[in-house]
Amino acid sequence: MPRHAEIIGVGGHLPEAVLTNTALETMVDTTDEWIVTRTGIRERRIADAGTATSDLVVAAVLPALERAAVEPGDVDLLIVATSTPDHLMPSTACIAQVKLGMRCPAFDVNAACTGFVYALELGASAIESGRADIVVVVGADVLSRVIDFQDRATCVLFGDGAGAVVLRASGEAGVMSTVLGADGAGEELLKIPAGGSALPCDADAIAARAQFLRMNGPEVFKFAVRVIPKATNEVLAACGIAIGDLRWLVPHQANRRILATVEERLGIEDERVFSNLERTGNTSAASIPLALDELYTGGQLAPGDLVALVGFGAGLTWGAAVVRWTMAPEDEEA
């Protein structure tokens, strides 16, 4: 009998501190109207100085495990998608593993904002191959640590957060299909130049503010509105379903204008495209699992619903997955 992976638990966490557009007006040359008009973002969450990415991972995984009725010691694999790890080494997954009381293998994936979809594919593949029965997949980022708050083009976009899902072996496909892509020729469009082996974070790099994220916004926009419809259509075709069969399209939360353009090109109604961008900003690898958590806890997902998850980000990377939802509503779970 074929093995498949299904989602049996979901969780999310946003830091308490809220950074509004009005507050940003006092920090950089911008206005609330400028930010909302160009991005759709009104506020974002910021982790406090004592909180690392691994802490957000733990806060997202615990409710996911509880909803799945899975003990930490029963997890076979922990995968954390992040581009803001606690340290270059060890992996954030290993740090979170011990905080969670797990004993399983643990590793990080860095595909930037596409990271959760990449990690979901890896987790589902581990289950399908028979190498694991229960896998926890997390997307988590503390982007506020790598944002230049003197650069109004980028500092208004990003926020912090984490989301997690618990996958379990199943006889029927929950994660129905995935497609992944990458084009390293676009590496200069979105990157953090300093801090790795190519450019150590020395005094010269810091003086040039090269330790912060840099982005070519117009080119990233063009990339996003091209690859999101392409990846969505590819993964739908692989499943043999049409856009009209979807209950939800859950794209990476980057920019409201991107989402509007994608809706037009895919021919999907706005009310079937989930967005919490207004309240969270771009949380990178966390954005898609945070959206799933919000949909689930808000009672907007029911067993049998088809959901397409689509990400894009630095690398350049992109990826899409179709999930058949199997979790009962939260009130029934209780």
C-alpha atoms as a PDB file:
ATOM      1  CA  MET A   1       0.000   0.000   0.000  1.00  0.00           C
ATOM      2  CA  PRO A   2       1.470   3.408  -0.932  1.00  0.00           C
ATOM      3  CA  ARG A   3       2.577   5.662   1.905  1.00  0.00           C
ATOM      4  CA  HIS A   4       1.556   9.297   1.964  1.00  0.00           C
ATOM      5  CA  ALA A   5       1.891  12.227   4.360  1.00  0.00           C
ATOM      6  CA  GLU A   6      -0.989  14.116   5.928  1.00  0.00           C
ATOM      7  CA  ILE A   7      -1.096  17.148   8.226  1.00  0.00           C
ATOM      8  CA  ILE A   8      -2.376  16.198  11.679  1.00  0.00           C
ATOM      9  CA  GLY A   9      -1.282  19.284  13.618  1.00  0.00           C
ATOM     10  CA  VAL A  10      -0.692  22.970  12.956  1.00  0.00           C
ATOM     11  CA  GLY A  11       0.588  25.796  15.134  1.00  0.00           C
ATOM     12  CA  GLY A  12       1.782  29.371  14.851  1.00  0.00           C
ATOM     13  CA  HIS A  13       3.384  32.075  16.922  1.00  0.00           C
ATOM     14  CA  LEU A  14       3.791  35.825  16.518  1.00  0.00           C
ATOM     15  CA  PRO A  15       5.822  37.952  18.969  1.00  0.00           C
ATOM     16  CA  GLU A  16       3.784  40.288  21.163  1.00  0.00           C
ATOM     17  CA  ALA A  17       5.471  43.567  20.169  1.00  0.00           C
ATOM     18  CA  VAL A  18       3.727  45.357  17.298  1.00  0.00           C
ATOM     19  CA  LEU A  19       5.561  47.799  15.033  1.00  0.00           C
ATOM     20  CA  THR A  20       3.023  49.989  13.259  1.00  0.00           C
ATOM     21  CA  ASN A  21       3.489  52.120  10.196  1.00  0.00           C
ATOM     22  CA  THR A  22       2.965  55.169  12.392  1.00  0.00           C
ATOM     23  CA  ALA A  23       5.921  54.102  14.537  1.00  0.00           C
ATOM     24  CA  LEU A  24       8.043  53.630  11.417  1.00  0.00           C
ATOM     25  CA  GLU A  25       7.291  57.232  10.464  1.00  0.00           C
ATOM     26  CA  THR A  26       9.458  58.285  13.419  1.00  0.00           C
ATOM     27  CA  MET A  27      12.334  56.025  12.354  1.00  0.00           C
ATOM     28  CA  VAL A  28      12.645  56.508   8.607  1.00  0.00           C
ATOM     29  CA  ASP A  29      11.389  58.830   5.858  1.00  0.00           C
ATOM     30  CA  THR A  30       8.042  57.166   5.155  1.00  0.00           C
ATOM     31  CA  THR A  31       4.325  57.475   5.843  1.00  0.00           C
ATOM     32  CA  ASP A  32       1.533  55.108   6.676  1.00  0.00           C
ATOM     33  CA  GLU A  33      -0.198  56.004   3.412  1.00  0.00           C
ATOM     34  CA  TRP A  34       2.960  55.284   1.372  1.00  0.00           C
ATOM     35  CA  ILE A  35       3.429  51.864   2.989  1.00  0.00           C
ATOM     36  CA  VAL A  36      -0.201  50.784   2.747  1.00  0.00           C
ATOM     37  CA  THR A  37      -0.555  51.937  -0.857  1.00  0.00           C
ATOM     38  CA  ARG A  38       2.563  50.130  -2.041  1.00  0.00           C
ATOM     39  CA  THR A  39       2.514  47.017   0.139  1.00  0.00           C
ATOM     40  CA  GLY A  40      -0.820  46.562   1.923  1.00  0.00           C
ATOM     41  CA  ILE A  41       1.006  46.292   5.265  1.00  0.00           C
ATOM     42  CA  ARG A  42      -0.183  48.232   8.322  1.00  0.00           C
ATOM     43  CA  GLU A  43       1.812  46.541  11.096  1.00  0.00           C
ATOM     44  CA  ARG A  44       4.256  43.724  11.789  1.00  0.00           C
ATOM     45  CA  ARG A  45       5.457  41.806  14.861  1.00  0.00           C
ATOM     46  CA  ILE A  46       8.990  42.176  16.239  1.00  0.00           C
ATOM     47  CA  ALA A  47      10.750  39.706  18.529  1.00  0.00           C
ATOM     48  CA  ASP A  48      12.298  41.177  21.653  1.00  0.00           C
ATOM     49  CA  ALA A  49      16.056  41.257  22.142  1.00  0.00           C
ATOM     50  CA  GLY A  50      16.118  38.062  24.183  1.00  0.00           C
ATOM     51  CA  THR A  51      14.191  35.979  21.644  1.00  0.00           C
ATOM     52  CA  ALA A  52      15.949  33.890  18.997  1.00  0.00           C
ATOM     53  CA  THR A  53      14.523  32.045  16.013  1.00  0.00           C
ATOM     54  CA  SER A  54      14.684  28.763  17.949  1.00  0.00           C
ATOM     55  CA  ASP A  55      12.395  30.261  20.584  1.00  0.00           C
ATOM     56  CA  LEU A  56       9.801  31.062  17.940  1.00  0.00           C
ATOM     57  CA  VAL A  57      10.160  27.515  16.600  1.00  0.00           C
ATOM     58  CA  VAL A  58       9.354  26.089  20.029  1.00  0.00           C
ATOM     59  CA  ALA A  59       6.371  28.406  20.472  1.00  0.00           C
ATOM     60  CA  ALA A  60       4.897  27.298  17.121  1.00  0.00           C
ATOM     61  CA  VAL A  61       5.650  23.580  17.471  1.00  0.00           C
ATOM     62  CA  LEU A  62       4.122  23.063  20.925  1.00  0.00           C
ATOM     63  CA  PRO A  63       0.499  23.817  19.907  1.00  0.00           C
ATOM     64  CA  ALA A  64       0.973  21.814  16.704  1.00  0.00           C
ATOM     65  CA  LEU A  65       2.070  18.771  18.727  1.00  0.00           C
ATOM     66  CA  GLU A  66      -0.818  19.231  21.150  1.00  0.00           C
ATOM     67  CA  ARG A  67      -3.384  19.349  18.345  1.00  0.00           C
ATOM     68  CA  ALA A  68      -1.782  16.278  16.783  1.00  0.00           C
ATOM     69  CA  ALA A  69      -1.771  14.428  20.138  1.00  0.00           C
ATOM     70  CA  VAL A  70       1.913  13.663  19.545  1.00  0.00           C
ATOM     71  CA  GLU A  71       4.579  13.651  22.256  1.00  0.00           C
ATOM     72  CA  PRO A  72       7.962  15.265  21.453  1.00  0.00           C
ATOM     73  CA  GLY A  73       9.700  11.930  21.949  1.00  0.00           C
ATOM     74  CA  ASP A  74       7.570  10.335  19.224  1.00  0.00           C
ATOM     75  CA  VAL A  75       8.798  12.701  16.478  1.00  0.00           C
ATOM     76  CA  ASP A  76      11.107  11.014  13.944  1.00  0.00           C
ATOM     77  CA  LEU A  77      12.445  14.138  12.207  1.00  0.00           C
ATOM     78  CA  LEU A  78      12.487  17.909  12.773  1.00  0.00           C
ATOM     79  CA  ILE A  79      13.029  20.240   9.804  1.00  0.00           C
ATOM     80  CA  VAL A  80      13.300  24.006  10.304  1.00  0.00           C
ATOM     81  CA  ALA A  81      13.140  26.351   7.321  1.00  0.00           C
ATOM     82  CA  THR A  82      14.859  29.638   8.149  1.00  0.00           C
ATOM     83  CA  SER A  83      17.237  32.214   6.709  1.00  0.00           C
ATOM     84  CA  THR A  84      17.789  33.837  10.120  1.00  0.00           C
ATOM     85  CA  PRO A  85      19.269  30.990  12.179  1.00  0.00           C
ATOM     86  CA  ASP A  86      20.331  31.445  15.788  1.00  0.00           C
ATOM     87  CA  HIS A  87      23.941  30.865  14.655  1.00  0.00           C
ATOM     88  CA  LEU A  88      25.744  29.822  11.468  1.00  0.00           C
ATOM     89  CA  MET A  89      26.254  26.562  13.360  1.00  0.00           C
ATOM     90  CA  PRO A  90      24.832  24.554  14.963  1.00  0.00           C
ATOM     91  CA  SER A  91      21.509  24.434  13.168  1.00  0.00           C
ATOM     92  CA  THR A  92      18.512  26.161  14.669  1.00  0.00           C
ATOM     93  CA  ALA A  93      16.688  22.823  14.404  1.00  0.00           C
ATOM     94  CA  CYS A  94      19.205  21.231  16.774  1.00  0.00           C
ATOM     95  CA  ILE A  95      18.816  24.072  19.270  1.00  0.00           C
ATOM     96  CA  ALA A  96      15.027  23.821  19.086  1.00  0.00           C
ATOM     97  CA  GLN A  97      15.180  20.031  19.335  1.00  0.00           C
ATOM     98  CA  VAL A  98      16.658  20.069  22.821  1.00  0.00           C
ATOM     99  CA  LYS A  99      14.316  22.872  23.938  1.00  0.00           C
ATOM    100  CA  LEU A 100      11.382  20.745  22.802  1.00  0.00           C
ATOM    101  CA  GLY A 101      12.635  17.562  24.431  1.00  0.00           C
ATOM    102  CA  MET A 102      12.956  15.675  21.149  1.00  0.00           C
ATOM    103  CA  ARG A 103      15.555  13.010  20.362  1.00  0.00           C
ATOM    104  CA  CYS A 104      15.181  12.830  16.584  1.00  0.00           C
ATOM    105  CA  PRO A 105      17.457  13.960  13.736  1.00  0.00           C
ATOM    106  CA  ALA A 106      17.114  17.704  13.125  1.00  0.00           C
ATOM    107  CA  PHE A 107      18.358  20.050  10.408  1.00  0.00           C
ATOM    108  CA  ASP A 108      17.759  23.438   8.811  1.00  0.00           C
ATOM    109  CA  VAL A 109      16.703  24.308   5.257  1.00  0.00           C
ATOM    110  CA  ASN A 110      17.510  27.698   3.744  1.00  0.00           C
ATOM    111  CA  ALA A 111      15.389  28.490   0.720  1.00  0.00           C
ATOM    112  CA  ALA A 112      14.502  31.934   2.098  1.00  0.00           C
ATOM    113  CA  CYS A 113      10.798  32.732   1.787  1.00  0.00           C
ATOM    114  CA  THR A 114      10.178  29.468  -0.106  1.00  0.00           C
ATOM    115  CA  GLY A 115      11.736  27.524   2.748  1.00  0.00           C
ATOM    116  CA  PHE A 116       8.539  26.061   4.200  1.00  0.00           C
ATOM    117  CA  VAL A 117       7.474  24.542   0.871  1.00  0.00           C
ATOM    118  CA  TYR A 118      10.958  23.044   0.423  1.00  0.00           C
ATOM    119  CA  ALA A 119      10.861  21.647   3.965  1.00  0.00           C
ATOM    120  CA  LEU A 120       7.346  20.290   3.453  1.00  0.00           C
ATOM    121  CA  GLU A 121       8.540  18.375   0.399  1.00  0.00           C
ATOM    122  CA  LEU A 122      11.456  16.937   2.371  1.00  0.00           C
ATOM    123  CA  GLY A 123       9.229  15.936   5.283  1.00  0.00           C
ATOM    124  CA  ALA A 124       6.622  14.330   3.035  1.00  0.00           C
ATOM    125  CA  SER A 125       9.347  12.487   1.118  1.00  0.00           C
ATOM    126  CA  ALA A 126      10.810  11.089   4.335  1.00  0.00           C
ATOM    127  CA  ILE A 127       7.394   9.675   5.217  1.00  0.00           C
ATOM    128  CA  GLU A 128       6.646   8.386   1.718  1.00  0.00           C
ATOM    129  CA  SER A 129       9.984   6.561   1.613  1.00  0.00           C
ATOM    130  CA  GLY A 130       9.315   4.835   4.927  1.00  0.00           C
ATOM    131  CA  ARG A 131      12.232   6.559   6.684  1.00  0.00           C
ATOM    132  CA  ALA A 132       9.918   8.374   9.117  1.00  0.00           C
ATOM    133  CA  ASP A 133       6.390   8.130  10.433  1.00  0.00           C
ATOM    134  CA  ILE A 134       6.025  11.521  12.142  1.00  0.00           C
ATOM    135  CA  VAL A 135       7.807  14.660  10.922  1.00  0.00           C
ATOM    136  CA  VAL A 136       7.577  18.209  12.243  1.00  0.00           C
ATOM    137  CA  VAL A 137       8.100  20.926   9.621  1.00  0.00           C
ATOM    138  CA  VAL A 138       8.609  24.534  10.709  1.00  0.00           C
ATOM    139  CA  GLY A 139       9.047  27.885   8.998  1.00  0.00           C
ATOM    140  CA  ALA A 140      10.549  30.526  11.298  1.00  0.00           C
ATOM    141  CA  ASP A 141      12.371  33.829  10.872  1.00  0.00           C
ATOM    142  CA  VAL A 142      13.437  36.824  12.932  1.00  0.00           C
ATOM    143  CA  LEU A 143      13.980  39.142  10.003  1.00  0.00           C
ATOM    144  CA  SER A 144      14.065  42.223  12.203  1.00  0.00           C
ATOM    145  CA  ARG A 145      17.676  41.282  13.060  1.00  0.00           C
ATOM    146  CA  VAL A 146      18.815  41.563   9.432  1.00  0.00           C
ATOM    147  CA  ILE A 147      16.779  44.580   8.345  1.00  0.00           C
ATOM    148  CA  ASP A 148      18.371  48.005   7.865  1.00  0.00           C
ATOM    149  CA  PHE A 149      16.031  50.429   9.592  1.00  0.00           C
ATOM    150  CA  GLN A 150      17.684  53.235   7.632  1.00  0.00           C
ATOM    151  CA  ASP A 151      16.437  51.728   4.351  1.00  0.00           C
ATOM    152  CA  ARG A 152      12.793  52.653   3.883  1.00  0.00           C
ATOM    153  CA  ALA A 153      12.449  50.354   0.863  1.00  0.00           C
ATOM    154  CA  THR A 154      12.962  47.228   2.967  1.00  0.00           C
ATOM    155  CA  CYS A 155      12.380  48.035   6.645  1.00  0.00           C
ATOM    156  CA  VAL A 156       8.641  48.538   6.093  1.00  0.00           C
ATOM    157  CA  LEU A 157       8.149  45.058   4.638  1.00  0.00           C
ATOM    158  CA  PHE A 158       9.296  42.468   7.126  1.00  0.00           C
ATOM    159  CA  GLY A 159       8.224  40.991  10.439  1.00  0.00           C
ATOM    160  CA  ASP A 160       9.002  38.053  12.727  1.00  0.00           C
ATOM    161  CA  GLY A 161       7.101  34.827  13.332  1.00  0.00           C
ATOM    162  CA  ALA A 162       6.956  31.040  13.107  1.00  0.00           C
ATOM    163  CA  GLY A 163       4.523  28.379  11.952  1.00  0.00           C
ATOM    164  CA  ALA A 164       4.636  24.584  12.147  1.00  0.00           C
ATOM    165  CA  VAL A 165       2.863  21.475  10.913  1.00  0.00           C
ATOM    166  CA  VAL A 166       3.019  17.868  12.091  1.00  0.00           C
ATOM    167  CA  LEU A 167       3.055  15.282   9.296  1.00  0.00           C
ATOM    168  CA  ARG A 168       2.086  11.640   9.782  1.00  0.00           C
ATOM    169  CA  ALA A 169       2.144   8.585   7.536  1.00  0.00           C
ATOM    170  CA  SER A 170      -1.235   7.909   5.944  1.00  0.00           C
ATOM    171  CA  GLY A 171      -2.817   5.591   3.413  1.00  0.00           C
ATOM    172  CA  GLU A 172      -4.325   8.567   1.571  1.00  0.00           C
ATOM    173  CA  ALA A 173      -2.490  11.597   0.253  1.00  0.00           C
ATOM    174  CA  GLY A 174      -2.677  14.711   2.385  1.00  0.00           C
ATOM    175  CA  VAL A 175       0.338  16.349   0.768  1.00  0.00           C
ATOM    176  CA  MET A 176      -0.774  15.506  -2.749  1.00  0.00           C
ATOM    177  CA  SER A 177       1.999  16.975  -4.877  1.00  0.00           C
ATOM    178  CA  THR A 178       4.818  19.515  -4.790  1.00  0.00           C
ATOM    179  CA  VAL A 179       6.923  21.354  -7.349  1.00  0.00           C
ATOM    180  CA  LEU A 180      10.176  23.150  -6.515  1.00  0.00           C
ATOM    181  CA  GLY A 181      12.416  25.467  -8.516  1.00  0.00           C
ATOM    182  CA  ALA A 182      15.540  27.573  -8.241  1.00  0.00           C
ATOM    183  CA  ASP A 183      17.507  29.993 -10.409  1.00  0.00           C
ATOM    184  CA  GLY A 184      20.779  31.053  -8.826  1.00  0.00           C
ATOM    185  CA  ALA A 185      21.359  33.586 -11.579  1.00  0.00           C
ATOM    186  CA  GLY A 186      19.076  35.879  -9.581  1.00  0.00           C
ATOM    187  CA  GLU A 187      21.101  35.766  -6.366  1.00  0.00           C
ATOM    188  CA  GLU A 188      21.866  39.502  -6.434  1.00  0.00           C
ATOM    189  CA  LEU A 189      18.198  40.500  -6.430  1.00  0.00           C
ATOM    190  CA  LEU A 190      17.619  39.586  -2.794  1.00  0.00           C
ATOM    191  CA  LYS A 191      20.452  38.815  -0.411  1.00  0.00           C
ATOM    192  CA  ILE A 192      22.305  39.528   2.806  1.00  0.00           C
ATOM    193  CA  PRO A 193      25.836  40.153   1.461  1.00  0.00           C
ATOM    194  CA  ALA A 194      27.927  39.784   4.635  1.00  0.00           C
ATOM    195  CA  GLY A 195      28.135  37.117   7.290  1.00  0.00           C
ATOM    196  CA  GLY A 196      29.186  34.076   5.281  1.00  0.00           C
ATOM    197  CA  SER A 197      32.389  32.691   3.793  1.00  0.00           C
ATOM    198  CA  ALA A 198      32.212  34.913   0.696  1.00  0.00           C
ATOM    199  CA  LEU A 199      32.146  38.109   2.754  1.00  0.00           C
ATOM    200  CA  PRO A 200      32.842  37.800   6.497  1.00  0.00           C
ATOM    201  CA  CYS A 201      31.070  40.283   8.706  1.00  0.00           C
ATOM    202  CA  ASP A 202      34.196  42.325   9.461  1.00  0.00           C
ATOM    203  CA  ALA A 203      34.549  46.020  10.235  1.00  0.00           C
ATOM    204  CA  ASP A 204      34.531  47.025   6.560  1.00  0.00           C
ATOM    205  CA  ALA A 205      31.366  45.027   5.873  1.00  0.00           C
ATOM    206  CA  ILE A 206      29.633  46.542   8.874  1.00  0.00           C
ATOM    207  CA  ALA A 207      30.678  50.044   7.842  1.00  0.00           C
ATOM    208  CA  ALA A 208      29.059  49.356   4.458  1.00  0.00           C
ATOM    209  CA  ARG A 209      25.945  48.008   6.233  1.00  0.00           C
ATOM    210  CA  ALA A 210      26.420  44.789   4.261  1.00  0.00           C
ATOM    211  CA  GLN A 211      25.140  42.692   7.158  1.00  0.00           C
ATOM    212  CA  PHE A 212      21.607  43.790   6.288  1.00  0.00           C
ATOM    213  CA  LEU A 213      19.162  42.531   3.684  1.00  0.00           C
ATOM    214  CA  ARG A 214      19.255  44.190   0.268  1.00  0.00           C
ATOM    215  CA  MET A 215      16.560  43.846  -2.366  1.00  0.00           C
ATOM    216  CA  ASN A 216      15.866  44.946  -5.913  1.00  0.00           C
ATOM    217  CA  GLY A 217      12.142  45.402  -5.392  1.00  0.00           C
ATOM    218  CA  PRO A 218      10.976  45.914  -9.003  1.00  0.00           C
ATOM    219  CA  GLU A 219      12.822  42.832 -10.239  1.00  0.00           C
ATOM    220  CA  VAL A 220      11.594  40.683  -7.354  1.00  0.00           C
ATOM    221  CA  PHE A 221       8.051  41.827  -8.148  1.00  0.00           C
ATOM    222  CA  LYS A 222       8.425  40.756 -11.792  1.00  0.00           C
ATOM    223  CA  PHE A 223       9.814  37.407 -10.693  1.00  0.00           C
ATOM    224  CA  ALA A 224       7.024  36.794  -8.180  1.00  0.00           C
ATOM    225  CA  VAL A 225       4.104  37.543 -10.488  1.00  0.00           C
ATOM    226  CA  ARG A 226       5.647  35.230 -13.104  1.00  0.00           C
ATOM    227  CA  VAL A 227       6.555  32.218 -10.976  1.00  0.00           C
ATOM    228  CA  ILE A 228       3.561  32.097  -8.603  1.00  0.00           C
ATOM    229  CA  PRO A 229       1.001  31.460 -11.385  1.00  0.00           C
ATOM    230  CA  LYS A 230       3.428  29.127 -13.164  1.00  0.00           C
ATOM    231  CA  ALA A 231       4.151  27.024 -10.078  1.00  0.00           C
ATOM    232  CA  THR A 232       0.481  26.983  -9.086  1.00  0.00           C
ATOM    233  CA  ASN A 233      -0.629  25.743 -12.495  1.00  0.00           C
ATOM    234  CA  GLU A 234       2.115  23.118 -12.530  1.00  0.00           C
ATOM    235  CA  VAL A 235       1.222  21.649  -9.154  1.00  0.00           C
ATOM    236  CA  LEU A 236      -2.505  21.689  -9.940  1.00  0.00           C
ATOM    237  CA  ALA A 237      -1.837  19.854 -13.204  1.00  0.00           C
ATOM    238  CA  ALA A 238       0.238  17.258 -11.347  1.00  0.00           C
ATOM    239  CA  CYS A 239      -2.790  16.580  -9.119  1.00  0.00           C
ATOM    240  CA  GLY A 240      -5.285  16.660 -11.967  1.00  0.00           C
ATOM    241  CA  ILE A 241      -7.323  19.434 -10.400  1.00  0.00           C
ATOM    242  CA  ALA A 242      -8.399  22.887 -11.564  1.00  0.00           C
ATOM    243  CA  ILE A 243      -8.037  26.271  -9.893  1.00  0.00           C
ATOM    244  CA  GLY A 244     -11.778  26.206  -9.238  1.00  0.00           C
ATOM    245  CA  ASP A 245     -11.372  23.068  -7.106  1.00  0.00           C
ATOM    246  CA  LEU A 246      -9.299  24.928  -4.518  1.00  0.00           C
ATOM    247  CA  ARG A 247     -10.842  26.059  -1.262  1.00  0.00           C
ATOM    248  CA  TRP A 248      -7.830  28.298  -0.617  1.00  0.00           C
ATOM    249  CA  LEU A 249      -4.781  29.591  -2.399  1.00  0.00           C
ATOM    250  CA  VAL A 250      -2.201  30.427   0.279  1.00  0.00           C
ATOM    251  CA  PRO A 251       0.655  32.401  -1.288  1.00  0.00           C
ATOM    252  CA  HIS A 252       3.732  33.709   0.479  1.00  0.00           C
ATOM    253  CA  GLN A 253       2.755  37.006   2.113  1.00  0.00           C
ATOM    254  CA  ALA A 254       5.083  39.575   0.557  1.00  0.00           C
ATOM    255  CA  ASN A 255       3.144  42.410  -1.052  1.00  0.00           C
ATOM    256  CA  ARG A 256      -0.547  43.080  -1.658  1.00  0.00           C
ATOM    257  CA  ARG A 257       0.129  44.240  -5.229  1.00  0.00           C
ATOM    258  CA  ILE A 258       1.795  40.895  -5.954  1.00  0.00           C
ATOM    259  CA  LEU A 259      -1.242  39.047  -4.639  1.00  0.00           C
ATOM    260  CA  ALA A 260      -3.630  41.168  -6.710  1.00  0.00           C
ATOM    261  CA  THR A 261      -1.640  40.532  -9.889  1.00  0.00           C
ATOM    262  CA  VAL A 262      -1.486  36.791  -9.167  1.00  0.00           C
ATOM    263  CA  GLU A 263      -5.255  36.668  -8.611  1.00  0.00           C
ATOM    264  CA  GLU A 264      -5.819  38.284 -11.995  1.00  0.00           C
ATOM    265  CA  ARG A 265      -3.420  35.975 -13.838  1.00  0.00           C
ATOM    266  CA  LEU A 266      -4.797  32.813 -12.230  1.00  0.00           C
ATOM    267  CA  GLY A 267      -8.415  33.907 -12.513  1.00  0.00           C
ATOM    268  CA  ILE A 268      -9.155  33.205  -8.851  1.00  0.00           C
ATOM    269  CA  GLU A 269     -11.465  35.231  -6.651  1.00  0.00           C
ATOM    270  CA  ASP A 270      -9.927  37.423  -3.957  1.00  0.00           C
ATOM    271  CA  GLU A 271     -12.027  35.753  -1.252  1.00  0.00           C
ATOM    272  CA  ARG A 272     -10.292  32.418  -1.943  1.00  0.00           C
ATOM    273  CA  VAL A 273      -6.783  33.886  -1.649  1.00  0.00           C
ATOM    274  CA  PHE A 274      -5.723  34.057   1.967  1.00  0.00           C
ATOM    275  CA  SER A 275      -3.857  37.111   3.220  1.00  0.00           C
ATOM    276  CA  ASN A 276      -2.852  38.258   6.691  1.00  0.00           C
ATOM    277  CA  LEU A 277      -0.159  40.546   5.277  1.00  0.00           C
ATOM    278  CA  GLU A 278      -1.834  43.666   6.671  1.00  0.00           C
ATOM    279  CA  ARG A 279      -1.149  42.484  10.240  1.00  0.00           C
ATOM    280  CA  THR A 280       2.068  40.473   9.929  1.00  0.00           C
ATOM    281  CA  GLY A 281       4.151  41.891   7.096  1.00  0.00           C
ATOM    282  CA  ASN A 282       6.478  39.512   5.268  1.00  0.00           C
ATOM    283  CA  THR A 283       7.545  36.808   7.740  1.00  0.00           C
ATOM    284  CA  SER A 284       9.584  34.883   5.141  1.00  0.00           C
ATOM    285  CA  ALA A 285       9.540  31.101   5.712  1.00  0.00           C
ATOM    286  CA  ALA A 286       6.929  31.534   8.449  1.00  0.00           C
ATOM    287  CA  SER A 287       4.267  33.168   6.286  1.00  0.00           C
ATOM    288  CA  ILE A 288       2.632  30.059   4.777  1.00  0.00           C
ATOM    289  CA  PRO A 289       2.422  27.935   7.963  1.00  0.00           C
ATOM    290  CA  LEU A 290       1.234  31.002   9.896  1.00  0.00           C
ATOM    291  CA  ALA A 291      -1.532  31.353   7.317  1.00  0.00           C
ATOM    292  CA  LEU A 292      -2.505  27.695   7.738  1.00  0.00           C
ATOM    293  CA  ASP A 293      -2.639  28.130  11.499  1.00  0.00           C
ATOM    294  CA  GLU A 294      -4.828  31.207  11.181  1.00  0.00           C
ATOM    295  CA  LEU A 295      -7.165  29.510   8.720  1.00  0.00           C
ATOM    296  CA  TYR A 296      -7.492  26.475  10.976  1.00  0.00           C
ATOM    297  CA  THR A 297      -7.993  28.307  14.251  1.00  0.00           C
ATOM    298  CA  GLY A 298     -10.437  30.641  12.513  1.00  0.00           C
ATOM    299  CA  GLY A 299     -12.620  27.707  11.464  1.00  0.00           C
ATOM    300  CA  GLN A 300     -11.963  28.263   7.764  1.00  0.00           C
ATOM    301  CA  LEU A 301     -10.592  24.803   6.981  1.00  0.00           C
ATOM    302  CA  ALA A 302     -12.583  21.573   6.911  1.00  0.00           C
ATOM    303  CA  PRO A 303     -11.650  17.978   6.079  1.00  0.00           C
ATOM    304  CA  GLY A 304     -11.486  17.490   2.323  1.00  0.00           C
ATOM    305  CA  ASP A 305     -10.616  21.110   1.517  1.00  0.00           C
ATOM    306  CA  LEU A 306      -7.966  21.479  -1.176  1.00  0.00           C
ATOM    307  CA  VAL A 307      -5.337  24.117  -0.414  1.00  0.00           C
ATOM    308  CA  ALA A 308      -2.503  25.290  -2.675  1.00  0.00           C
ATOM    309  CA  LEU A 309       0.591  26.660  -0.925  1.00  0.00           C
ATOM    310  CA  VAL A 310       2.896  28.800  -3.071  1.00  0.00           C
ATOM    311  CA  GLY A 311       6.187  30.426  -2.097  1.00  0.00           C
ATOM    312  CA  PHE A 312       8.939  32.463  -3.738  1.00  0.00           C
ATOM    313  CA  GLY A 313      12.075  34.089  -2.422  1.00  0.00           C
ATOM    314  CA  ALA A 314      15.787  34.690  -2.456  1.00  0.00           C
ATOM    315  CA  GLY A 315      17.926  32.253  -4.338  1.00  0.00           C
ATOM    316  CA  LEU A 316      15.952  32.788  -6.432  1.00  0.00           C
ATOM    317  CA  THR A 317      13.647  29.988  -5.324  1.00  0.00           C
ATOM    318  CA  TRP A 318      10.022  29.031  -5.755  1.00  0.00           C
ATOM    319  CA  GLY A 319       7.762  26.152  -4.854  1.00  0.00           C
ATOM    320  CA  ALA A 320       4.152  25.035  -4.624  1.00  0.00           C
ATOM    321  CA  ALA A 321       2.237  22.222  -2.926  1.00  0.00           C
ATOM    322  CA  VAL A 322      -1.339  20.990  -2.947  1.00  0.00           C
ATOM    323  CA  VAL A 323      -2.647  19.736   0.392  1.00  0.00           C
ATOM    324  CA  ARG A 324      -5.889  17.914   1.066  1.00  0.00           C
ATOM    325  CA  TRP A 325      -6.858  19.041   4.561  1.00  0.00           C
ATOM    326  CA  THR A 326      -7.664  16.212   6.967  1.00  0.00           C
ATOM    327  CA  MET A 327      -7.821  17.850  10.412  1.00  0.00           C
ATOM    328  CA  ALA A 328     -11.246  18.150  12.000  1.00  0.00           C
ATOM    329  CA  PRO A 329     -12.258  21.654  13.134  1.00  0.00           C
ATOM    330  CA  GLU A 330     -10.660  22.717  16.410  1.00  0.00           C
ATOM    331  CA  ASP A 331     -13.894  22.612  18.407  1.00  0.00           C
ATOM    332  CA  GLU A 332     -14.385  18.990  17.329  1.00  0.00           C
ATOM    333  CA  GLU A 333     -10.747  18.185  18.200  1.00  0.00           C
ATOM    334  CA  ALA A 334     -11.358  19.491  21.725  1.00  0.00           C
END
